[in-house]
Amino acid sequence: MNGGKANHEGSWADQWDYNNSSYPVEPKGSSDGGTAAKYKQKVGEGLVKTKAVASVGAKKVKEGASAGFHWIKEKCQKVTQKR
């Protein structure tokens, strides 16, 4: 008794099975260096670039915040000196 389901319908688990054997899998230890190694190298290069850009951005934010605090400090000191 299948509860009204046709035999060709799969269960919920079959529909969401991510370990489908129809996807191509690269054998471990391939002799051509493998695509995984190539992607790992590209990702590593991208991370180096991202780190450099983030570092420059952080320095700019720090300098901008510092300049803003100094500007506010100068404005507050001018107001108190006039009195």
PDB file of N, CA and C in Angstrom:
ATOM      1  N   MET A   1       0.847  -1.173   0.000  1.00  0.00           N
ATOM      2  CA  MET A   1       0.000   0.000   0.000  1.00  0.00           C
ATOM      3  C   MET A   1       0.891   1.234   0.000  1.00  0.00           C
ATOM      4  N   ASN A   2       0.798   1.934  -1.067  1.00  0.00           N
ATOM      5  CA  ASN A   2       1.663   3.090  -1.214  1.00  0.00           C
ATOM      6  C   ASN A   2       0.933   4.402  -0.940  1.00  0.00           C
ATOM      7  N   GLY A   3      -0.257   4.363  -0.429  1.00  0.00           N
ATOM      8  CA  GLY A   3      -0.971   5.577  -0.051  1.00  0.00           C
ATOM      9  C   GLY A   3      -1.391   6.438  -1.233  1.00  0.00           C
ATOM     10  N   GLY A   4      -1.626   5.837  -2.384  1.00  0.00           N
ATOM     11  CA  GLY A   4      -2.085   6.575  -3.544  1.00  0.00           C
ATOM     12  C   GLY A   4      -0.954   7.082  -4.425  1.00  0.00           C
ATOM     13  N   LYS A   5       0.283   6.864  -4.048  1.00  0.00           N
ATOM     14  CA  LYS A   5       1.404   7.309  -4.871  1.00  0.00           C
ATOM     15  C   LYS A   5       1.682   6.292  -5.963  1.00  0.00           C
ATOM     16  N   ALA A   6       2.070   6.796  -7.105  1.00  0.00           N
ATOM     17  CA  ALA A   6       2.486   5.899  -8.177  1.00  0.00           C
ATOM     18  C   ALA A   6       3.878   5.387  -7.860  1.00  0.00           C
ATOM     19  N   ASN A   7       4.253   4.257  -8.404  1.00  0.00           N
ATOM     20  CA  ASN A   7       5.544   3.641  -8.112  1.00  0.00           C
ATOM     21  C   ASN A   7       6.718   4.458  -8.636  1.00  0.00           C
ATOM     22  N   HIS A   8       6.521   5.297  -9.643  1.00  0.00           N
ATOM     23  CA  HIS A   8       7.622   6.059 -10.228  1.00  0.00           C
ATOM     24  C   HIS A   8       7.979   7.296  -9.402  1.00  0.00           C
ATOM     25  N   GLU A   9       7.154   7.679  -8.450  1.00  0.00           N
ATOM     26  CA  GLU A   9       7.452   8.838  -7.613  1.00  0.00           C
ATOM     27  C   GLU A   9       8.418   8.437  -6.502  1.00  0.00           C
ATOM     28  N   GLY A  10       9.384   9.307  -6.250  1.00  0.00           N
ATOM     29  CA  GLY A  10      10.341   9.036  -5.202  1.00  0.00           C
ATOM     30  C   GLY A  10       9.902   9.645  -3.885  1.00  0.00           C
ATOM     31  N   SER A  11      10.581   9.260  -2.845  1.00  0.00           N
ATOM     32  CA  SER A  11      10.274   9.819  -1.542  1.00  0.00           C
ATOM     33  C   SER A  11      10.900  11.194  -1.412  1.00  0.00           C
ATOM     34  N   TRP A  12      10.585  11.871  -0.335  1.00  0.00           N
ATOM     35  CA  TRP A  12      11.157  13.195  -0.083  1.00  0.00           C
ATOM     36  C   TRP A  12      12.675  13.116  -0.011  1.00  0.00           C
ATOM     37  N   ALA A  13      13.210  12.110   0.639  1.00  0.00           N
ATOM     38  CA  ALA A  13      14.657  11.949   0.774  1.00  0.00           C
ATOM     39  C   ALA A  13      15.319  11.730  -0.581  1.00  0.00           C
ATOM     40  N   ASP A  14      14.642  11.016  -1.477  1.00  0.00           N
ATOM     41  CA  ASP A  14      15.201  10.784  -2.806  1.00  0.00           C
ATOM     42  C   ASP A  14      15.253  12.078  -3.617  1.00  0.00           C
ATOM     43  N   GLN A  15      14.295  12.958  -3.417  1.00  0.00           N
ATOM     44  CA  GLN A  15      14.264  14.210  -4.154  1.00  0.00           C
ATOM     45  C   GLN A  15      15.379  15.156  -3.711  1.00  0.00           C
ATOM     46  N   TRP A  16      15.777  15.089  -2.455  1.00  0.00           N
ATOM     47  CA  TRP A  16      16.751  16.018  -1.899  1.00  0.00           C
ATOM     48  C   TRP A  16      18.085  15.343  -1.619  1.00  0.00           C
ATOM     49  N   ASP A  17      18.384  14.273  -2.302  1.00  0.00           N
ATOM     50  CA  ASP A  17      19.636  13.552  -2.102  1.00  0.00           C
ATOM     51  C   ASP A  17      20.751  14.282  -2.832  1.00  0.00           C
ATOM     52  N   TYR A  18      21.691  14.871  -2.078  1.00  0.00           N
ATOM     53  CA  TYR A  18      22.786  15.619  -2.677  1.00  0.00           C
ATOM     54  C   TYR A  18      23.949  14.707  -3.064  1.00  0.00           C
ATOM     55  N   ASN A  19      23.911  13.470  -2.728  1.00  0.00           N
ATOM     56  CA  ASN A  19      24.969  12.530  -3.074  1.00  0.00           C
ATOM     57  C   ASN A  19      24.596  11.757  -4.325  1.00  0.00           C
ATOM     58  N   ASN A  20      24.114  12.457  -5.302  1.00  0.00           N
ATOM     59  CA  ASN A  20      23.690  11.844  -6.548  1.00  0.00           C
ATOM     60  C   ASN A  20      24.922  11.363  -7.309  1.00  0.00           C
ATOM     61  N   SER A  21      24.943  10.128  -7.694  1.00  0.00           N
ATOM     62  CA  SER A  21      26.113   9.572  -8.367  1.00  0.00           C
ATOM     63  C   SER A  21      26.198   9.988  -9.834  1.00  0.00           C
ATOM     64  N   SER A  22      25.218  10.718 -10.361  1.00  0.00           N
ATOM     65  CA  SER A  22      25.268  11.132 -11.755  1.00  0.00           C
ATOM     66  C   SER A  22      26.178  12.344 -11.961  1.00  0.00           C
ATOM     67  N   TYR A  23      26.587  13.006 -10.897  1.00  0.00           N
ATOM     68  CA  TYR A  23      27.509  14.135 -11.026  1.00  0.00           C
ATOM     69  C   TYR A  23      28.923  13.610 -11.229  1.00  0.00           C
ATOM     70  N   PRO A  24      29.705  14.236 -12.123  1.00  0.00           N
ATOM     71  CA  PRO A  24      31.070  13.769 -12.331  1.00  0.00           C
ATOM     72  C   PRO A  24      31.944  14.094 -11.113  1.00  0.00           C
ATOM     73  N   VAL A  25      32.710  13.129 -10.707  1.00  0.00           N
ATOM     74  CA  VAL A  25      33.590  13.293  -9.564  1.00  0.00           C
ATOM     75  C   VAL A  25      35.009  13.094 -10.044  1.00  0.00           C
ATOM     76  N   GLU A  26      35.890  14.035  -9.701  1.00  0.00           N
ATOM     77  CA  GLU A  26      37.285  13.925 -10.104  1.00  0.00           C
ATOM     78  C   GLU A  26      37.975  12.905  -9.204  1.00  0.00           C
ATOM     79  N   PRO A  27      38.667  11.958  -9.788  1.00  0.00           N
ATOM     80  CA  PRO A  27      39.345  10.969  -8.956  1.00  0.00           C
ATOM     81  C   PRO A  27      40.464  11.610  -8.152  1.00  0.00           C
ATOM     82  N   LYS A  28      40.643  11.122  -6.945  1.00  0.00           N
ATOM     83  CA  LYS A  28      41.698  11.656  -6.090  1.00  0.00           C
ATOM     84  C   LYS A  28      43.055  11.242  -6.634  1.00  0.00           C
ATOM     85  N   GLY A  29      44.011  12.169  -6.520  1.00  0.00           N
ATOM     86  CA  GLY A  29      45.371  11.862  -6.958  1.00  0.00           C
ATOM     87  C   GLY A  29      45.515  11.846  -8.464  1.00  0.00           C
ATOM     88  N   SER A  30      44.759  12.681  -9.179  1.00  0.00           N
ATOM     89  CA  SER A  30      44.877  12.686 -10.628  1.00  0.00           C
ATOM     90  C   SER A  30      46.231  13.252 -11.028  1.00  0.00           C
ATOM     91  N   SER A  31      46.745  12.811 -12.155  1.00  0.00           N
ATOM     92  CA  SER A  31      48.106  13.155 -12.559  1.00  0.00           C
ATOM     93  C   SER A  31      48.216  14.532 -13.188  1.00  0.00           C
ATOM     94  N   ASP A  32      47.104  15.152 -13.644  1.00  0.00           N
ATOM     95  CA  ASP A  32      47.181  16.441 -14.323  1.00  0.00           C
ATOM     96  C   ASP A  32      47.166  17.620 -13.360  1.00  0.00           C
ATOM     97  N   GLY A  33      47.268  17.395 -12.087  1.00  0.00           N
ATOM     98  CA  GLY A  33      47.241  18.489 -11.125  1.00  0.00           C
ATOM     99  C   GLY A  33      45.834  18.767 -10.639  1.00  0.00           C
ATOM    100  N   GLY A  34      44.856  18.375 -11.397  1.00  0.00           N
ATOM    101  CA  GLY A  34      43.459  18.488 -11.001  1.00  0.00           C
ATOM    102  C   GLY A  34      42.936  19.905 -11.052  1.00  0.00           C
ATOM    103  N   THR A  35      41.647  19.996 -11.278  1.00  0.00           N
ATOM    104  CA  THR A  35      41.023  21.311 -11.311  1.00  0.00           C
ATOM    105  C   THR A  35      40.938  21.901  -9.914  1.00  0.00           C
ATOM    106  N   ALA A  36      40.874  21.051  -8.905  1.00  0.00           N
ATOM    107  CA  ALA A  36      40.794  21.555  -7.535  1.00  0.00           C
ATOM    108  C   ALA A  36      42.039  22.361  -7.194  1.00  0.00           C
ATOM    109  N   ALA A  37      43.196  21.901  -7.603  1.00  0.00           N
ATOM    110  CA  ALA A  37      44.447  22.621  -7.328  1.00  0.00           C
ATOM    111  C   ALA A  37      44.461  23.955  -8.066  1.00  0.00           C
ATOM    112  N   LYS A  38      43.947  23.968  -9.287  1.00  0.00           N
ATOM    113  CA  LYS A  38      43.904  25.214 -10.066  1.00  0.00           C
ATOM    114  C   LYS A  38      42.980  26.230  -9.404  1.00  0.00           C
ATOM    115  N   TYR A  39      41.801  25.758  -8.973  1.00  0.00           N
ATOM    116  CA  TYR A  39      40.866  26.659  -8.321  1.00  0.00           C
ATOM    117  C   TYR A  39      41.404  27.137  -6.980  1.00  0.00           C
ATOM    118  N   LYS A  40      42.067  26.263  -6.270  1.00  0.00           N
ATOM    119  CA  LYS A  40      42.642  26.634  -4.985  1.00  0.00           C
ATOM    120  C   LYS A  40      43.674  27.741  -5.177  1.00  0.00           C
ATOM    121  N   GLN A  41      44.477  27.651  -6.230  1.00  0.00           N
ATOM    122  CA  GLN A  41      45.478  28.669  -6.515  1.00  0.00           C
ATOM    123  C   GLN A  41      44.792  29.992  -6.868  1.00  0.00           C
ATOM    124  N   LYS A  42      43.757  29.942  -7.694  1.00  0.00           N
ATOM    125  CA  LYS A  42      43.052  31.161  -8.084  1.00  0.00           C
ATOM    126  C   LYS A  42      42.368  31.808  -6.889  1.00  0.00           C
ATOM    127  N   VAL A  43      41.779  30.997  -6.036  1.00  0.00           N
ATOM    128  CA  VAL A  43      41.128  31.527  -4.843  1.00  0.00           C
ATOM    129  C   VAL A  43      42.165  32.159  -3.929  1.00  0.00           C
ATOM    130  N   GLY A  44      43.313  31.520  -3.792  1.00  0.00           N
ATOM    131  CA  GLY A  44      44.386  32.071  -2.974  1.00  0.00           C
ATOM    132  C   GLY A  44      44.860  33.413  -3.491  1.00  0.00           C
ATOM    133  N   GLU A  45      45.011  33.522  -4.805  1.00  0.00           N
ATOM    134  CA  GLU A  45      45.412  34.800  -5.407  1.00  0.00           C
ATOM    135  C   GLU A  45      44.345  35.863  -5.173  1.00  0.00           C
ATOM    136  N   GLY A  46      43.092  35.466  -5.293  1.00  0.00           N
ATOM    137  CA  GLY A  46      41.993  36.407  -5.052  1.00  0.00           C
ATOM    138  C   GLY A  46      41.962  36.876  -3.613  1.00  0.00           C
ATOM    139  N   LEU A  47      42.245  35.980  -2.678  1.00  0.00           N
ATOM    140  CA  LEU A  47      42.246  36.360  -1.276  1.00  0.00           C
ATOM    141  C   LEU A  47      43.375  37.332  -0.962  1.00  0.00           C
ATOM    142  N   VAL A  48      44.524  37.157  -1.616  1.00  0.00           N
ATOM    143  CA  VAL A  48      45.637  38.089  -1.411  1.00  0.00           C
ATOM    144  C   VAL A  48      45.231  39.480  -1.885  1.00  0.00           C
ATOM    145  N   LYS A  49      44.596  39.551  -3.045  1.00  0.00           N
ATOM    146  CA  LYS A  49      44.143  40.838  -3.575  1.00  0.00           C
ATOM    147  C   LYS A  49      43.080  41.443  -2.658  1.00  0.00           C
ATOM    148  N   THR A  50      42.160  40.629  -2.201  1.00  0.00           N
ATOM    149  CA  THR A  50      41.102  41.110  -1.320  1.00  0.00           C
ATOM    150  C   THR A  50      41.680  41.648  -0.019  1.00  0.00           C
ATOM    151  N   LYS A  51      42.666  40.942   0.513  1.00  0.00           N
ATOM    152  CA  LYS A  51      43.302  41.378   1.757  1.00  0.00           C
ATOM    153  C   LYS A  51      43.984  42.720   1.562  1.00  0.00           C
ATOM    154  N   ALA A  52      44.652  42.917   0.434  1.00  0.00           N
ATOM    155  CA  ALA A  52      45.322  44.181   0.158  1.00  0.00           C
ATOM    156  C   ALA A  52      44.312  45.322   0.041  1.00  0.00           C
ATOM    157  N   VAL A  53      43.222  45.088  -0.656  1.00  0.00           N
ATOM    158  CA  VAL A  53      42.191  46.114  -0.813  1.00  0.00           C
ATOM    159  C   VAL A  53      41.550  46.430   0.534  1.00  0.00           C
ATOM    160  N   ALA A  54      41.288  45.413   1.335  1.00  0.00           N
ATOM    161  CA  ALA A  54      40.688  45.631   2.646  1.00  0.00           C
ATOM    162  C   ALA A  54      41.629  46.410   3.555  1.00  0.00           C
ATOM    163  N   SER A  55      42.916  46.137   3.450  1.00  0.00           N
ATOM    164  CA  SER A  55      43.900  46.848   4.262  1.00  0.00           C
ATOM    165  C   SER A  55      43.930  48.327   3.900  1.00  0.00           C
ATOM    166  N   VAL A  56      43.930  48.620   2.614  1.00  0.00           N
ATOM    167  CA  VAL A  56      43.921  50.019   2.166  1.00  0.00           C
ATOM    168  C   VAL A  56      42.631  50.695   2.618  1.00  0.00           C
ATOM    169  N   GLY A  57      41.525  50.004   2.487  1.00  0.00           N
ATOM    170  CA  GLY A  57      40.239  50.569   2.910  1.00  0.00           C
ATOM    171  C   GLY A  57      40.205  50.844   4.400  1.00  0.00           C
ATOM    172  N   ALA A  58      40.757  49.942   5.201  1.00  0.00           N
ATOM    173  CA  ALA A  58      40.785  50.136   6.649  1.00  0.00           C
ATOM    174  C   ALA A  58      41.652  51.332   7.022  1.00  0.00           C
ATOM    175  N   LYS A  59      42.762  51.506   6.326  1.00  0.00           N
ATOM    176  CA  LYS A  59      43.627  52.659   6.594  1.00  0.00           C
ATOM    177  C   LYS A  59      42.898  53.965   6.276  1.00  0.00           C
ATOM    178  N   LYS A  60      42.145  53.977   5.164  1.00  0.00           N
ATOM    179  CA  LYS A  60      41.395  55.177   4.794  1.00  0.00           C
ATOM    180  C   LYS A  60      40.314  55.490   5.830  1.00  0.00           C
ATOM    181  N   VAL A  61      39.645  54.471   6.309  1.00  0.00           N
ATOM    182  CA  VAL A  61      38.609  54.673   7.331  1.00  0.00           C
ATOM    183  C   VAL A  61      39.240  55.220   8.599  1.00  0.00           C
ATOM    184  N   LYS A  62      40.370  54.658   8.996  1.00  0.00           N
ATOM    185  CA  LYS A  62      41.061  55.107  10.206  1.00  0.00           C
ATOM    186  C   LYS A  62      41.490  56.564  10.066  1.00  0.00           C
ATOM    187  N   GLU A  63      42.066  56.917   8.919  1.00  0.00           N
ATOM    188  CA  GLU A  63      42.500  58.293   8.691  1.00  0.00           C
ATOM    189  C   GLU A  63      41.311  59.249   8.675  1.00  0.00           C
ATOM    190  N   GLY A  64      40.228  58.845   8.057  1.00  0.00           N
ATOM    191  CA  GLY A  64      39.031  59.687   8.000  1.00  0.00           C
ATOM    192  C   GLY A  64      38.426  59.904   9.378  1.00  0.00           C
ATOM    193  N   ALA A  65      38.363  58.839  10.162  1.00  0.00           N
ATOM    194  CA  ALA A  65      37.820  58.957  11.516  1.00  0.00           C
ATOM    195  C   ALA A  65      38.709  59.860  12.363  1.00  0.00           C
ATOM    196  N   SER A  66      40.007  59.690  12.232  1.00  0.00           N
ATOM    197  CA  SER A  66      40.947  60.519  12.981  1.00  0.00           C
ATOM    198  C   SER A  66      40.794  61.991  12.604  1.00  0.00           C
ATOM    199  N   ALA A  67      40.703  62.270  11.319  1.00  0.00           N
ATOM    200  CA  ALA A  67      40.526  63.649  10.860  1.00  0.00           C
ATOM    201  C   ALA A  67      39.206  64.220  11.379  1.00  0.00           C
ATOM    202  N   GLY A  68      38.171  63.420  11.397  1.00  0.00           N
ATOM    203  CA  GLY A  68      36.873  63.875  11.908  1.00  0.00           C
ATOM    204  C   GLY A  68      36.921  64.208  13.379  1.00  0.00           C
ATOM    205  N   PHE A  69      37.579  63.370  14.167  1.00  0.00           N
ATOM    206  CA  PHE A  69      37.695  63.634  15.598  1.00  0.00           C
ATOM    207  C   PHE A  69      38.519  64.892  15.864  1.00  0.00           C
ATOM    208  N   HIS A  70      39.585  65.082  15.100  1.00  0.00           N
ATOM    209  CA  HIS A  70      40.398  66.291  15.263  1.00  0.00           C
ATOM    210  C   HIS A  70      39.593  67.540  14.896  1.00  0.00           C
ATOM    211  N   TRP A  71      38.780  67.473  13.854  1.00  0.00           N
ATOM    212  CA  TRP A  71      37.954  68.593  13.445  1.00  0.00           C
ATOM    213  C   TRP A  71      36.953  68.946  14.547  1.00  0.00           C
ATOM    214  N   ILE A  72      36.305  67.915  15.102  1.00  0.00           N
ATOM    215  CA  ILE A  72      35.337  68.147  16.188  1.00  0.00           C
ATOM    216  C   ILE A  72      36.046  68.740  17.405  1.00  0.00           C
ATOM    217  N   LYS A  73      37.216  68.209  17.716  1.00  0.00           N
ATOM    218  CA  LYS A  73      37.982  68.707  18.858  1.00  0.00           C
ATOM    219  C   LYS A  73      38.327  70.180  18.674  1.00  0.00           C
ATOM    220  N   GLU A  74      38.768  70.564  17.485  1.00  0.00           N
ATOM    221  CA  GLU A  74      39.103  71.964  17.196  1.00  0.00           C
ATOM    222  C   GLU A  74      37.875  72.859  17.331  1.00  0.00           C
ATOM    223  N   LYS A  75      36.728  72.407  16.829  1.00  0.00           N
ATOM    224  CA  LYS A  75      35.504  73.203  16.910  1.00  0.00           C
ATOM    225  C   LYS A  75      35.084  73.392  18.365  1.00  0.00           C
ATOM    226  N   CYS A  76      35.189  72.342  19.161  1.00  0.00           N
ATOM    227  CA  CYS A  76      34.807  72.436  20.572  1.00  0.00           C
ATOM    228  C   CYS A  76      35.758  73.354  21.325  1.00  0.00           C
ATOM    229  N   GLN A  77      37.046  73.301  21.012  1.00  0.00           N
ATOM    230  CA  GLN A  77      38.015  74.147  21.696  1.00  0.00           C
ATOM    231  C   GLN A  77      37.817  75.605  21.313  1.00  0.00           C
ATOM    232  N   LYS A  78      37.459  75.915  20.079  1.00  0.00           N
ATOM    233  CA  LYS A  78      37.223  77.290  19.659  1.00  0.00           C
ATOM    234  C   LYS A  78      36.035  77.875  20.399  1.00  0.00           C
ATOM    235  N   VAL A  79      34.991  77.092  20.602  1.00  0.00           N
ATOM    236  CA  VAL A  79      33.792  77.564  21.289  1.00  0.00           C
ATOM    237  C   VAL A  79      34.134  77.871  22.744  1.00  0.00           C
ATOM    238  N   THR A  80      34.896  77.010  23.395  1.00  0.00           N
ATOM    239  CA  THR A  80      35.209  77.216  24.807  1.00  0.00           C
ATOM    240  C   THR A  80      36.211  78.352  24.996  1.00  0.00           C
ATOM    241  N   GLN A  81      37.053  78.655  24.039  1.00  0.00           N
ATOM    242  CA  GLN A  81      38.042  79.736  24.162  1.00  0.00           C
ATOM    243  C   GLN A  81      37.390  81.099  24.011  1.00  0.00           C
ATOM    244  N   LYS A  82      36.304  81.210  23.287  1.00  0.00           N
ATOM    245  CA  LYS A  82      35.626  82.486  23.091  1.00  0.00           C
ATOM    246  C   LYS A  82      34.956  82.967  24.371  1.00  0.00           C
ATOM    247  N   ARG A  83      34.589  82.105  25.245  1.00  0.00           N
ATOM    248  CA  ARG A  83      33.834  82.474  26.448  1.00  0.00           C
ATOM    249  C   ARG A  83      34.711  83.017  27.488  1.00  0.00           C
TER     250      ARG A  83
END
